[in-house]
């Protein structure tokens, strides 16, 4: 099964994709992770992507699509139960290219999960995030503070970092971009009846239950 997780930044798509991957054998493909991985490897595609990212320009659609399809080809040769696309497609043009390429290989997108969260809630979520500098464990000023203030629950380190783009004004700009470029994907996939909405403001376990139900996996009912 090929799944797309859609939702604004901070909606929890990455968390839910990891849970599905761990519990049911699906493979998460995050466009951001793929780009960063290609840059770190110094591949030809990675060097092209790095040039765009260093200049502040958007990575071209054709480059992102090529990276995603290299990863899809790799998954088809593995034993994964399916693929979860997280962060891709971002535009209707990317979605059309994705559909064409999948059709050429005899597959298609089976389900699109829309994780719905109000903008003001997202700003609160994102601006409060911080991460352990040593192990990468995530925390939040309001929703998930360390058990001992200033000490990572997972590894005991005492240094934490915050992403530079997790500032309120930056988050609001990212939300505007999402509503302008990515929201139209809901209409695009709704035509074929593939979109299922879930309440992203619920707790992690409840969101996971809703997604399981939408995918008809696990013990959801």
N, C-alpha and C. Protein backbone atom coordinates (compact mmCIF):
# COMPACT_ATOMS: atom_id res chain seq x y z
N UNK A 1 0.84 -1.19 0.00
CA UNK A 1 0.00 0.00 0.00
C UNK A 1 0.88 1.25 0.00
N UNK A 2 0.54 2.20 -0.85
CA UNK A 2 1.26 3.48 -0.90
C UNK A 2 0.40 4.55 -0.24
N UNK A 3 0.96 5.20 0.77
CA UNK A 3 0.23 6.16 1.58
C UNK A 3 0.91 7.52 1.51
N UNK A 4 0.10 8.58 1.47
CA UNK A 4 0.62 9.93 1.62
C UNK A 4 0.08 10.50 2.92
N UNK A 5 0.97 11.08 3.73
CA UNK A 5 0.56 11.82 4.92
C UNK A 5 0.62 13.30 4.60
N UNK A 6 -0.53 13.97 4.65
CA UNK A 6 -0.60 15.39 4.40
C UNK A 6 -0.96 16.13 5.68
N UNK A 7 -0.47 17.34 5.81
CA UNK A 7 -0.79 18.16 6.96
C UNK A 7 0.23 19.26 7.08
N UNK A 8 -0.12 20.33 7.76
CA UNK A 8 0.78 21.47 7.90
C UNK A 8 1.99 21.14 8.76
N UNK A 9 3.02 22.00 8.73
CA UNK A 9 4.20 21.76 9.58
C UNK A 9 3.80 21.73 11.05
N UNK A 10 4.32 20.74 11.77
CA UNK A 10 4.00 20.62 13.19
C UNK A 10 2.77 19.79 13.48
N UNK A 11 2.14 19.22 12.44
CA UNK A 11 0.91 18.45 12.65
C UNK A 11 1.17 17.07 13.24
N UNK A 12 2.42 16.63 13.23
CA UNK A 12 2.75 15.32 13.79
C UNK A 12 2.88 14.22 12.76
N UNK A 13 3.03 14.59 11.49
CA UNK A 13 3.13 13.59 10.42
C UNK A 13 4.32 12.67 10.62
N UNK A 14 5.47 13.26 10.96
CA UNK A 14 6.67 12.45 11.13
C UNK A 14 6.53 11.45 12.25
N UNK A 15 5.93 11.87 13.36
CA UNK A 15 5.70 10.97 14.50
C UNK A 15 4.82 9.81 14.10
N UNK A 16 3.72 10.10 13.42
CA UNK A 16 2.80 9.04 13.02
C UNK A 16 3.40 8.13 11.96
N UNK A 17 4.18 8.69 11.06
CA UNK A 17 4.84 7.85 10.04
C UNK A 17 5.79 6.86 10.69
N UNK A 18 6.53 7.31 11.69
CA UNK A 18 7.45 6.42 12.40
C UNK A 18 6.71 5.30 13.12
N UNK A 19 5.56 5.64 13.73
CA UNK A 19 4.78 4.62 14.43
C UNK A 19 4.27 3.56 13.46
N UNK A 20 3.76 3.99 12.31
CA UNK A 20 3.28 3.03 11.30
C UNK A 20 4.43 2.17 10.80
N UNK A 21 5.57 2.81 10.58
CA UNK A 21 6.75 2.09 10.10
C UNK A 21 7.17 1.01 11.10
N UNK A 22 7.22 1.38 12.37
CA UNK A 22 7.69 0.46 13.41
C UNK A 22 6.70 -0.67 13.67
N UNK A 23 5.41 -0.37 13.63
CA UNK A 23 4.41 -1.36 14.01
C UNK A 23 3.97 -2.27 12.87
N UNK A 24 3.98 -1.76 11.64
CA UNK A 24 3.37 -2.53 10.56
C UNK A 24 4.29 -2.81 9.37
N UNK A 25 5.55 -2.41 9.47
CA UNK A 25 6.49 -2.77 8.41
C UNK A 25 6.46 -1.90 7.19
N UNK A 26 5.78 -0.76 7.26
CA UNK A 26 5.81 0.19 6.15
C UNK A 26 7.15 0.93 6.17
N UNK A 27 7.51 1.54 5.06
CA UNK A 27 8.75 2.30 4.98
C UNK A 27 8.43 3.78 4.83
N UNK A 28 8.91 4.59 5.76
CA UNK A 28 8.70 6.04 5.69
C UNK A 28 9.71 6.65 4.72
N UNK A 29 9.20 7.47 3.81
CA UNK A 29 10.06 8.23 2.91
C UNK A 29 9.77 9.71 3.13
N UNK A 30 10.68 10.38 3.80
CA UNK A 30 10.55 11.82 4.05
C UNK A 30 11.39 12.56 3.03
N UNK A 31 10.78 13.48 2.29
CA UNK A 31 11.54 14.21 1.27
C UNK A 31 12.67 15.00 1.91
N UNK A 32 12.42 15.56 3.09
CA UNK A 32 13.48 16.30 3.78
C UNK A 32 14.64 15.41 4.14
N UNK A 33 14.34 14.23 4.67
CA UNK A 33 15.41 13.28 5.04
C UNK A 33 16.18 12.82 3.80
N UNK A 34 15.45 12.59 2.71
CA UNK A 34 16.10 12.16 1.48
C UNK A 34 17.05 13.22 0.95
N UNK A 35 16.62 14.48 1.01
CA UNK A 35 17.47 15.57 0.55
C UNK A 35 18.71 15.70 1.43
N UNK A 36 18.50 15.67 2.74
CA UNK A 36 19.64 15.78 3.65
C UNK A 36 20.60 14.61 3.49
N UNK A 37 20.03 13.42 3.28
CA UNK A 37 20.88 12.24 3.08
C UNK A 37 21.70 12.34 1.82
N UNK A 38 21.08 12.82 0.74
CA UNK A 38 21.80 12.96 -0.52
C UNK A 38 22.91 13.99 -0.41
N UNK A 39 22.65 15.08 0.32
CA UNK A 39 23.67 16.10 0.52
C UNK A 39 24.83 15.52 1.33
N UNK A 40 24.50 14.78 2.40
CA UNK A 40 25.54 14.20 3.25
C UNK A 40 26.40 13.20 2.49
N UNK A 41 25.78 12.45 1.58
CA UNK A 41 26.51 11.46 0.80
C UNK A 41 27.36 12.09 -0.29
N UNK A 42 27.02 13.32 -0.67
CA UNK A 42 27.77 13.98 -1.73
C UNK A 42 27.48 13.43 -3.11
N UNK A 43 26.28 12.83 -3.28
CA UNK A 43 25.91 12.29 -4.59
C UNK A 43 25.67 13.44 -5.56
N UNK A 44 25.55 13.10 -6.85
CA UNK A 44 25.31 14.14 -7.87
C UNK A 44 24.03 14.91 -7.57
N UNK A 45 22.97 14.16 -7.20
CA UNK A 45 21.71 14.82 -6.86
C UNK A 45 21.88 15.65 -5.58
N UNK A 46 22.64 15.12 -4.64
CA UNK A 46 22.88 15.83 -3.39
C UNK A 46 23.61 17.14 -3.60
N UNK A 47 24.59 17.14 -4.50
CA UNK A 47 25.33 18.37 -4.79
C UNK A 47 24.43 19.42 -5.44
N UNK A 48 23.52 18.97 -6.32
CA UNK A 48 22.57 19.90 -6.93
C UNK A 48 21.63 20.48 -5.87
N UNK A 49 21.16 19.60 -4.99
CA UNK A 49 20.25 20.05 -3.94
C UNK A 49 20.96 21.02 -3.00
N UNK A 50 22.22 20.72 -2.65
CA UNK A 50 22.97 21.58 -1.73
C UNK A 50 23.15 22.98 -2.31
N UNK A 51 23.40 23.03 -3.61
CA UNK A 51 23.57 24.33 -4.25
C UNK A 51 22.31 25.19 -4.10
N UNK A 52 21.15 24.55 -4.28
CA UNK A 52 19.88 25.28 -4.14
C UNK A 52 19.64 25.68 -2.69
N UNK A 53 19.88 24.75 -1.78
CA UNK A 53 19.61 25.00 -0.37
C UNK A 53 20.55 26.08 0.19
N UNK A 54 21.81 26.07 -0.24
CA UNK A 54 22.77 27.06 0.24
C UNK A 54 22.42 28.47 -0.23
N UNK A 55 21.79 28.54 -1.40
CA UNK A 55 21.44 29.86 -1.95
C UNK A 55 20.07 30.34 -1.47
N UNK A 56 19.38 29.46 -0.74
CA UNK A 56 18.05 29.81 -0.25
C UNK A 56 16.94 29.55 -1.24
N UNK A 57 17.28 28.95 -2.39
CA UNK A 57 16.27 28.67 -3.41
C UNK A 57 15.57 27.34 -3.12
N UNK A 58 14.36 27.19 -3.64
CA UNK A 58 13.66 25.92 -3.50
C UNK A 58 14.33 24.86 -4.37
N UNK A 59 14.40 23.65 -3.86
CA UNK A 59 14.95 22.55 -4.66
C UNK A 59 13.96 22.24 -5.77
N UNK A 60 14.40 22.19 -7.04
CA UNK A 60 13.47 21.98 -8.16
C UNK A 60 12.67 20.69 -8.04
N UNK A 61 11.43 20.73 -8.54
CA UNK A 61 10.55 19.58 -8.48
C UNK A 61 11.19 18.33 -9.07
N UNK A 62 11.84 18.48 -10.24
CA UNK A 62 12.36 17.28 -10.91
C UNK A 62 13.44 16.59 -10.08
N UNK A 63 14.22 17.38 -9.32
CA UNK A 63 15.26 16.80 -8.49
C UNK A 63 14.65 16.05 -7.30
N UNK A 64 13.65 16.67 -6.66
CA UNK A 64 12.98 16.02 -5.53
C UNK A 64 12.29 14.74 -5.99
N UNK A 65 11.61 14.83 -7.14
CA UNK A 65 10.91 13.65 -7.68
C UNK A 65 11.89 12.53 -7.95
N UNK A 66 13.05 12.85 -8.51
CA UNK A 66 14.04 11.82 -8.81
C UNK A 66 14.54 11.14 -7.54
N UNK A 67 14.78 11.93 -6.49
CA UNK A 67 15.21 11.36 -5.21
C UNK A 67 14.15 10.44 -4.63
N UNK A 68 12.90 10.89 -4.67
CA UNK A 68 11.80 10.08 -4.14
C UNK A 68 11.67 8.78 -4.91
N UNK A 69 11.81 8.85 -6.23
CA UNK A 69 11.64 7.63 -7.01
C UNK A 69 12.81 6.67 -6.89
N UNK A 70 13.98 7.18 -6.65
CA UNK A 70 15.09 6.28 -6.33
C UNK A 70 14.77 5.50 -5.06
N UNK A 71 14.22 6.21 -4.07
CA UNK A 71 13.86 5.56 -2.81
C UNK A 71 12.70 4.58 -3.00
N UNK A 72 11.72 4.94 -3.83
CA UNK A 72 10.60 4.04 -4.11
C UNK A 72 11.08 2.76 -4.79
N UNK A 73 12.01 2.90 -5.73
CA UNK A 73 12.56 1.72 -6.41
C UNK A 73 13.25 0.81 -5.40
N UNK A 74 13.97 1.41 -4.47
CA UNK A 74 14.65 0.63 -3.45
C UNK A 74 13.65 -0.12 -2.57
N UNK A 75 12.54 0.55 -2.23
CA UNK A 75 11.51 -0.08 -1.40
C UNK A 75 10.83 -1.24 -2.11
N UNK A 76 10.64 -1.11 -3.41
CA UNK A 76 9.99 -2.18 -4.17
C UNK A 76 10.83 -3.46 -4.16
N UNK A 77 12.14 -3.28 -3.99
CA UNK A 77 13.03 -4.43 -3.95
C UNK A 77 13.24 -4.97 -2.54
N UNK A 78 12.55 -4.36 -1.56
CA UNK A 78 12.69 -4.80 -0.18
C UNK A 78 11.43 -5.56 0.24
N UNK A 79 11.35 -5.89 1.52
CA UNK A 79 10.21 -6.64 2.03
C UNK A 79 9.22 -5.74 2.78
N UNK A 80 9.26 -4.43 2.55
CA UNK A 80 8.36 -3.52 3.27
C UNK A 80 6.92 -3.77 2.85
N UNK A 81 5.99 -3.56 3.81
CA UNK A 81 4.56 -3.78 3.55
C UNK A 81 3.97 -2.69 2.70
N UNK A 82 4.64 -1.55 2.63
CA UNK A 82 4.16 -0.42 1.86
C UNK A 82 5.03 0.79 2.11
N UNK A 83 4.62 1.92 1.54
CA UNK A 83 5.41 3.15 1.62
C UNK A 83 4.55 4.27 2.18
N UNK A 84 5.15 5.07 3.06
CA UNK A 84 4.50 6.25 3.60
C UNK A 84 5.28 7.47 3.11
N UNK A 85 4.66 8.28 2.29
CA UNK A 85 5.31 9.49 1.79
C UNK A 85 4.99 10.65 2.75
N UNK A 86 6.03 11.23 3.31
CA UNK A 86 5.90 12.31 4.29
C UNK A 86 6.64 13.54 3.76
N UNK A 87 5.90 14.60 3.45
CA UNK A 87 6.53 15.81 2.91
C UNK A 87 6.58 15.84 1.40
N UNK A 88 6.01 14.84 0.77
CA UNK A 88 5.96 14.76 -0.69
C UNK A 88 4.72 13.97 -1.09
N UNK A 89 3.98 14.45 -2.10
CA UNK A 89 4.18 15.68 -2.87
C UNK A 89 3.77 16.92 -2.10
N UNK A 90 4.34 18.06 -2.50
CA UNK A 90 3.99 19.34 -1.86
C UNK A 90 3.08 20.19 -2.75
N UNK A 91 3.05 19.88 -4.02
CA UNK A 91 2.23 20.66 -4.96
C UNK A 91 1.44 19.70 -5.85
N UNK A 92 0.42 20.24 -6.51
CA UNK A 92 -0.38 19.44 -7.43
C UNK A 92 0.47 18.95 -8.60
N UNK A 93 1.38 19.79 -9.08
CA UNK A 93 2.27 19.37 -10.17
C UNK A 93 3.10 18.16 -9.76
N UNK A 94 3.63 18.18 -8.53
CA UNK A 94 4.39 17.03 -8.05
C UNK A 94 3.49 15.80 -7.95
N UNK A 95 2.25 16.00 -7.51
CA UNK A 95 1.31 14.88 -7.37
C UNK A 95 1.01 14.25 -8.74
N UNK A 96 0.84 15.07 -9.75
CA UNK A 96 0.57 14.55 -11.09
C UNK A 96 1.75 13.75 -11.61
N UNK A 97 2.96 14.28 -11.38
CA UNK A 97 4.16 13.55 -11.81
C UNK A 97 4.28 12.23 -11.06
N UNK A 98 3.98 12.26 -9.76
CA UNK A 98 4.02 11.04 -8.96
C UNK A 98 3.04 10.01 -9.49
N UNK A 99 1.81 10.42 -9.78
CA UNK A 99 0.80 9.50 -10.29
C UNK A 99 1.23 8.88 -11.63
N UNK A 100 1.80 9.71 -12.49
CA UNK A 100 2.24 9.21 -13.79
C UNK A 100 3.34 8.17 -13.64
N UNK A 101 4.30 8.44 -12.78
CA UNK A 101 5.41 7.52 -12.60
C UNK A 101 4.97 6.23 -11.90
N UNK A 102 4.06 6.35 -10.94
CA UNK A 102 3.55 5.15 -10.28
C UNK A 102 2.75 4.30 -11.26
N UNK A 103 1.93 4.95 -12.09
CA UNK A 103 1.13 4.22 -13.07
C UNK A 103 2.03 3.47 -14.04
N UNK A 104 3.15 4.07 -14.40
CA UNK A 104 4.08 3.42 -15.33
C UNK A 104 4.69 2.17 -14.72
N UNK A 105 4.74 2.12 -13.39
CA UNK A 105 5.29 0.94 -12.73
C UNK A 105 4.20 0.00 -12.22
N UNK A 106 2.93 0.31 -12.58
CA UNK A 106 1.82 -0.57 -12.23
C UNK A 106 1.29 -0.41 -10.83
N UNK A 107 1.60 0.73 -10.18
CA UNK A 107 1.11 0.98 -8.83
C UNK A 107 0.39 2.33 -8.78
N UNK A 108 -0.06 2.71 -7.59
CA UNK A 108 -0.76 3.98 -7.43
C UNK A 108 -0.77 4.36 -5.96
N UNK A 109 -1.19 5.58 -5.67
CA UNK A 109 -1.43 6.00 -4.29
C UNK A 109 -2.74 5.37 -3.83
N UNK A 110 -2.71 4.68 -2.70
CA UNK A 110 -3.91 3.99 -2.21
C UNK A 110 -4.71 4.82 -1.21
N UNK A 111 -4.02 5.59 -0.39
CA UNK A 111 -4.72 6.37 0.63
C UNK A 111 -3.96 7.65 0.94
N UNK A 112 -4.70 8.73 1.15
CA UNK A 112 -4.11 10.01 1.56
C UNK A 112 -4.70 10.37 2.92
N UNK A 113 -3.84 10.44 3.93
CA UNK A 113 -4.27 10.77 5.29
C UNK A 113 -3.99 12.25 5.54
N UNK A 114 -5.06 13.01 5.78
CA UNK A 114 -4.89 14.44 6.08
C UNK A 114 -4.95 14.63 7.60
N UNK A 115 -3.84 15.08 8.17
CA UNK A 115 -3.77 15.35 9.61
C UNK A 115 -4.15 16.81 9.82
N UNK A 116 -5.30 17.04 10.46
CA UNK A 116 -5.86 18.38 10.58
C UNK A 116 -5.57 19.00 11.95
N UNK A 117 -4.94 20.18 11.92
CA UNK A 117 -4.64 20.93 13.14
C UNK A 117 -4.82 22.42 12.83
N UNK A 118 -5.46 23.17 13.74
CA UNK A 118 -5.67 24.60 13.55
C UNK A 118 -4.34 25.35 13.59
N UNK A 119 -4.24 26.43 12.81
CA UNK A 119 -2.98 27.18 12.70
C UNK A 119 -2.47 27.69 14.04
N UNK A 120 -3.35 28.25 14.88
CA UNK A 120 -2.87 28.80 16.15
C UNK A 120 -2.30 27.71 17.05
N UNK A 121 -2.87 26.54 16.97
CA UNK A 121 -2.36 25.40 17.74
C UNK A 121 -0.98 24.99 17.24
N UNK A 122 -0.79 25.04 15.92
CA UNK A 122 0.49 24.66 15.33
C UNK A 122 1.60 25.62 15.75
N UNK A 123 1.29 26.91 15.77
CA UNK A 123 2.29 27.90 16.18
C UNK A 123 2.75 27.60 17.60
N UNK A 124 1.80 27.28 18.48
CA UNK A 124 2.14 26.94 19.86
C UNK A 124 3.01 25.69 19.92
N UNK A 125 2.63 24.69 19.14
CA UNK A 125 3.39 23.43 19.14
C UNK A 125 4.83 23.65 18.69
N UNK A 126 5.00 24.33 17.55
CA UNK A 126 6.31 24.41 16.92
C UNK A 126 7.26 25.32 17.69
N UNK A 127 6.77 26.47 18.14
CA UNK A 127 7.66 27.42 18.80
C UNK A 127 8.14 26.91 20.17
N UNK A 128 7.45 25.90 20.72
CA UNK A 128 7.86 25.35 22.02
C UNK A 128 8.78 24.15 21.92
N UNK A 129 9.13 23.73 20.71
CA UNK A 129 9.94 22.52 20.56
C UNK A 129 11.41 22.75 20.89
N UNK A 130 12.04 21.76 21.51
CA UNK A 130 13.49 21.75 21.66
C UNK A 130 13.97 20.30 21.70
N UNK A 131 15.25 20.10 21.43
CA UNK A 131 15.79 18.76 21.20
C UNK A 131 17.09 18.56 21.98
N UNK A 132 17.28 17.33 22.46
CA UNK A 132 18.54 16.99 23.10
C UNK A 132 19.66 17.07 22.07
N UNK A 133 20.70 17.82 22.38
CA UNK A 133 21.80 18.00 21.43
C UNK A 133 22.60 16.73 21.22
N UNK A 134 22.51 15.78 22.15
CA UNK A 134 23.31 14.56 22.05
C UNK A 134 22.57 13.44 21.32
N UNK A 135 21.34 13.11 21.76
CA UNK A 135 20.65 11.95 21.19
C UNK A 135 19.49 12.30 20.27
N UNK A 136 19.09 13.57 20.25
CA UNK A 136 18.01 13.99 19.35
C UNK A 136 16.61 13.81 19.91
N UNK A 137 16.48 13.39 21.16
CA UNK A 137 15.16 13.23 21.77
C UNK A 137 14.44 14.58 21.80
N UNK A 138 13.13 14.56 21.40
CA UNK A 138 12.39 15.80 21.31
C UNK A 138 11.61 16.12 22.58
N UNK A 139 11.53 17.41 22.89
CA UNK A 139 10.79 17.89 24.06
C UNK A 139 9.98 19.12 23.68
N UNK A 140 9.17 19.60 24.63
CA UNK A 140 8.34 20.78 24.39
C UNK A 140 8.18 21.56 25.69
N UNK A 141 8.15 22.88 25.56
CA UNK A 141 8.03 23.74 26.74
C UNK A 141 6.77 23.45 27.54
N UNK A 142 5.69 23.08 26.83
CA UNK A 142 4.40 22.87 27.49
C UNK A 142 4.00 21.40 27.56
N UNK A 143 4.13 20.69 26.44
CA UNK A 143 3.55 19.36 26.33
C UNK A 143 4.46 18.21 26.74
N UNK A 144 5.78 18.43 26.72
CA UNK A 144 6.68 17.32 27.04
C UNK A 144 7.99 17.86 27.61
N UNK A 145 7.94 18.28 28.85
CA UNK A 145 9.16 18.75 29.50
C UNK A 145 9.95 17.55 30.04
N UNK A 146 11.27 17.66 30.15
CA UNK A 146 12.05 16.58 30.76
C UNK A 146 11.58 16.32 32.20
N UNK A 147 11.66 15.08 32.65
CA UNK A 147 11.25 14.74 34.01
C UNK A 147 12.07 15.54 35.03
N UNK A 148 13.36 15.70 34.73
CA UNK A 148 14.24 16.55 35.54
C UNK A 148 14.64 17.73 34.67
N UNK A 149 14.29 18.93 35.10
CA UNK A 149 14.53 20.11 34.28
C UNK A 149 16.00 20.21 33.86
N UNK A 150 16.21 20.36 32.54
CA UNK A 150 17.57 20.53 32.02
C UNK A 150 18.33 19.25 31.79
N UNK A 151 17.66 18.09 31.97
CA UNK A 151 18.33 16.80 31.78
C UNK A 151 17.50 15.94 30.83
N UNK A 152 18.12 15.42 29.79
CA UNK A 152 17.41 14.59 28.82
C UNK A 152 16.94 13.29 29.47
N UNK A 153 15.67 12.96 29.29
CA UNK A 153 15.12 11.72 29.84
C UNK A 153 15.79 10.49 29.25
N UNK A 154 16.21 10.58 28.00
CA UNK A 154 16.69 9.40 27.29
C UNK A 154 18.16 9.11 27.55
N UNK A 155 19.01 10.15 27.50
CA UNK A 155 20.45 9.87 27.60
C UNK A 155 21.15 10.60 28.75
N UNK A 156 20.43 11.50 29.42
CA UNK A 156 21.02 12.19 30.55
C UNK A 156 21.85 13.42 30.21
N UNK A 157 21.92 13.77 28.92
CA UNK A 157 22.69 14.95 28.52
C UNK A 157 22.01 16.22 29.03
N UNK A 158 22.77 17.31 29.08
CA UNK A 158 22.23 18.56 29.63
C UNK A 158 22.24 19.71 28.63
N UNK A 159 22.54 19.40 27.37
CA UNK A 159 22.54 20.44 26.34
C UNK A 159 21.36 20.21 25.40
N UNK A 160 20.65 21.30 25.08
CA UNK A 160 19.48 21.22 24.20
C UNK A 160 19.59 22.28 23.10
N UNK A 161 18.90 22.02 22.00
CA UNK A 161 18.92 22.97 20.89
C UNK A 161 17.50 23.25 20.42
N UNK A 162 17.35 24.41 19.77
CA UNK A 162 16.09 24.78 19.13
C UNK A 162 16.37 25.13 17.68
N UNK A 163 15.49 24.70 16.79
CA UNK A 163 15.67 25.01 15.37
C UNK A 163 15.49 26.50 15.13
N UNK A 164 16.36 27.06 14.30
CA UNK A 164 16.30 28.49 14.03
C UNK A 164 14.99 28.89 13.36
N UNK A 165 14.38 27.96 12.60
CA UNK A 165 13.15 28.30 11.88
C UNK A 165 11.89 27.98 12.69
N UNK A 166 12.05 27.72 13.99
CA UNK A 166 10.89 27.47 14.85
C UNK A 166 10.44 28.73 15.58
N UNK A 167 10.69 29.89 14.98
CA UNK A 167 10.22 31.16 15.52
C UNK A 167 8.81 31.43 15.00
N UNK A 168 8.01 32.18 15.78
CA UNK A 168 6.59 32.36 15.46
C UNK A 168 6.37 32.93 14.05
N UNK A 169 7.11 33.97 13.69
CA UNK A 169 6.89 34.59 12.37
C UNK A 169 7.27 33.63 11.24
N UNK A 170 8.34 32.88 11.46
CA UNK A 170 8.76 31.90 10.44
C UNK A 170 7.72 30.81 10.29
N UNK A 171 7.18 30.35 11.41
CA UNK A 171 6.15 29.32 11.38
C UNK A 171 4.92 29.81 10.63
N UNK A 172 4.50 31.04 10.90
CA UNK A 172 3.33 31.61 10.22
C UNK A 172 3.56 31.69 8.71
N UNK A 173 4.77 32.04 8.31
CA UNK A 173 5.10 32.10 6.88
C UNK A 173 5.04 30.70 6.26
N UNK A 174 5.51 29.70 6.99
CA UNK A 174 5.47 28.32 6.49
C UNK A 174 4.02 27.84 6.34
N UNK A 175 3.16 28.28 7.26
CA UNK A 175 1.75 27.90 7.17
C UNK A 175 1.08 28.54 5.97
N UNK A 176 1.42 29.79 5.69
CA UNK A 176 0.88 30.45 4.49
C UNK A 176 1.30 29.68 3.25
N UNK A 177 2.57 29.27 3.19
CA UNK A 177 3.06 28.50 2.04
C UNK A 177 2.32 27.17 1.94
N UNK A 178 2.07 26.53 3.08
CA UNK A 178 1.35 25.26 3.07
C UNK A 178 -0.06 25.44 2.49
N UNK A 179 -0.78 26.42 3.00
CA UNK A 179 -2.16 26.61 2.55
C UNK A 179 -2.22 27.00 1.07
N UNK A 180 -1.20 27.70 0.61
CA UNK A 180 -1.18 28.13 -0.79
C UNK A 180 -0.80 27.00 -1.74
N UNK A 181 0.25 26.25 -1.38
CA UNK A 181 0.82 25.27 -2.30
C UNK A 181 0.33 23.85 -2.06
N UNK A 182 0.18 23.47 -0.79
CA UNK A 182 -0.06 22.06 -0.48
C UNK A 182 -1.53 21.73 -0.23
N UNK A 183 -2.27 22.64 0.36
CA UNK A 183 -3.69 22.37 0.61
C UNK A 183 -4.47 21.95 -0.64
N UNK A 184 -4.17 22.53 -1.83
CA UNK A 184 -4.89 22.09 -3.03
C UNK A 184 -4.77 20.60 -3.32
N UNK A 185 -3.77 19.93 -2.72
CA UNK A 185 -3.64 18.49 -2.91
C UNK A 185 -4.85 17.75 -2.34
N UNK A 186 -5.49 18.32 -1.31
CA UNK A 186 -6.67 17.68 -0.73
C UNK A 186 -7.76 17.55 -1.78
N UNK A 187 -7.99 18.65 -2.52
CA UNK A 187 -9.00 18.61 -3.59
C UNK A 187 -8.59 17.65 -4.70
N UNK A 188 -7.28 17.66 -5.03
CA UNK A 188 -6.78 16.81 -6.11
C UNK A 188 -7.04 15.34 -5.81
N UNK A 189 -6.72 14.89 -4.58
CA UNK A 189 -6.89 13.48 -4.24
C UNK A 189 -8.32 13.14 -3.82
N UNK A 190 -9.10 14.15 -3.43
CA UNK A 190 -10.48 13.89 -3.04
C UNK A 190 -11.33 13.42 -4.21
N UNK A 191 -10.97 13.86 -5.39
CA UNK A 191 -11.72 13.47 -6.59
C UNK A 191 -11.78 11.96 -6.73
N UNK A 192 -10.70 11.29 -6.36
CA UNK A 192 -10.65 9.83 -6.47
C UNK A 192 -11.05 9.14 -5.18
N UNK A 193 -11.53 9.91 -4.20
CA UNK A 193 -12.03 9.33 -2.96
C UNK A 193 -10.95 8.72 -2.06
N UNK A 194 -9.72 9.21 -2.17
CA UNK A 194 -8.62 8.59 -1.42
C UNK A 194 -8.30 9.31 -0.11
N UNK A 195 -8.92 10.47 0.15
CA UNK A 195 -8.56 11.28 1.31
C UNK A 195 -9.37 10.90 2.54
N UNK A 196 -8.68 10.69 3.65
CA UNK A 196 -9.33 10.46 4.95
C UNK A 196 -8.73 11.46 5.93
N UNK A 197 -9.58 12.24 6.61
CA UNK A 197 -9.09 13.22 7.57
C UNK A 197 -9.04 12.64 8.97
N UNK A 198 -8.01 13.02 9.73
CA UNK A 198 -7.91 12.62 11.13
C UNK A 198 -7.69 13.87 11.98
N UNK A 199 -8.08 13.82 13.23
CA UNK A 199 -7.96 14.95 14.15
C UNK A 199 -6.56 15.00 14.73
N UNK A 200 -5.71 15.84 14.17
CA UNK A 200 -4.33 15.93 14.62
C UNK A 200 -4.16 16.64 15.94
N UNK A 201 -5.25 17.20 16.50
CA UNK A 201 -5.17 17.86 17.80
C UNK A 201 -5.40 16.88 18.94
N UNK A 202 -5.76 15.65 18.61
CA UNK A 202 -5.92 14.61 19.63
C UNK A 202 -4.54 14.14 20.09
N UNK A 203 -4.52 13.30 21.11
CA UNK A 203 -3.26 12.74 21.58
C UNK A 203 -2.64 11.82 20.54
N UNK A 204 -1.35 11.56 20.70
CA UNK A 204 -0.62 10.74 19.72
C UNK A 204 -1.28 9.37 19.54
N UNK A 205 -1.67 8.73 20.64
CA UNK A 205 -2.27 7.39 20.55
C UNK A 205 -3.60 7.43 19.80
N UNK A 206 -4.40 8.47 20.04
CA UNK A 206 -5.70 8.58 19.37
C UNK A 206 -5.53 8.88 17.88
N UNK A 207 -4.58 9.73 17.54
CA UNK A 207 -4.32 10.00 16.12
C UNK A 207 -3.88 8.71 15.44
N UNK A 208 -3.02 7.95 16.11
CA UNK A 208 -2.56 6.68 15.57
C UNK A 208 -3.73 5.72 15.35
N UNK A 209 -4.67 5.68 16.30
CA UNK A 209 -5.84 4.80 16.17
C UNK A 209 -6.68 5.21 14.96
N UNK A 210 -6.86 6.50 14.77
CA UNK A 210 -7.65 6.98 13.63
C UNK A 210 -6.97 6.61 12.30
N UNK A 211 -5.65 6.72 12.27
CA UNK A 211 -4.93 6.37 11.04
C UNK A 211 -5.01 4.88 10.78
N UNK A 212 -4.88 4.07 11.81
CA UNK A 212 -5.00 2.61 11.66
C UNK A 212 -6.37 2.26 11.08
N UNK A 213 -7.40 2.93 11.59
CA UNK A 213 -8.75 2.67 11.09
C UNK A 213 -8.86 3.03 9.62
N UNK A 214 -8.28 4.18 9.25
CA UNK A 214 -8.33 4.62 7.86
C UNK A 214 -7.59 3.67 6.92
N UNK A 215 -6.55 3.03 7.45
CA UNK A 215 -5.75 2.12 6.64
C UNK A 215 -6.21 0.66 6.75
N UNK A 216 -7.15 0.42 7.68
CA UNK A 216 -7.63 -0.95 7.93
C UNK A 216 -6.51 -1.88 8.34
N UNK A 217 -5.64 -1.37 9.26
CA UNK A 217 -4.56 -2.21 9.79
C UNK A 217 -4.70 -2.24 11.30
N UNK A 218 -3.98 -3.15 11.92
CA UNK A 218 -4.00 -3.22 13.37
C UNK A 218 -5.35 -3.69 13.87
N UNK A 219 -5.66 -3.33 15.12
CA UNK A 219 -6.89 -3.77 15.74
C UNK A 219 -7.94 -2.69 15.79
N UNK A 220 -7.75 -1.62 14.99
CA UNK A 220 -8.68 -0.50 15.02
C UNK A 220 -10.05 -0.96 14.54
N UNK A 221 -11.08 -0.30 15.06
CA UNK A 221 -12.43 -0.64 14.66
C UNK A 221 -13.29 0.60 14.63
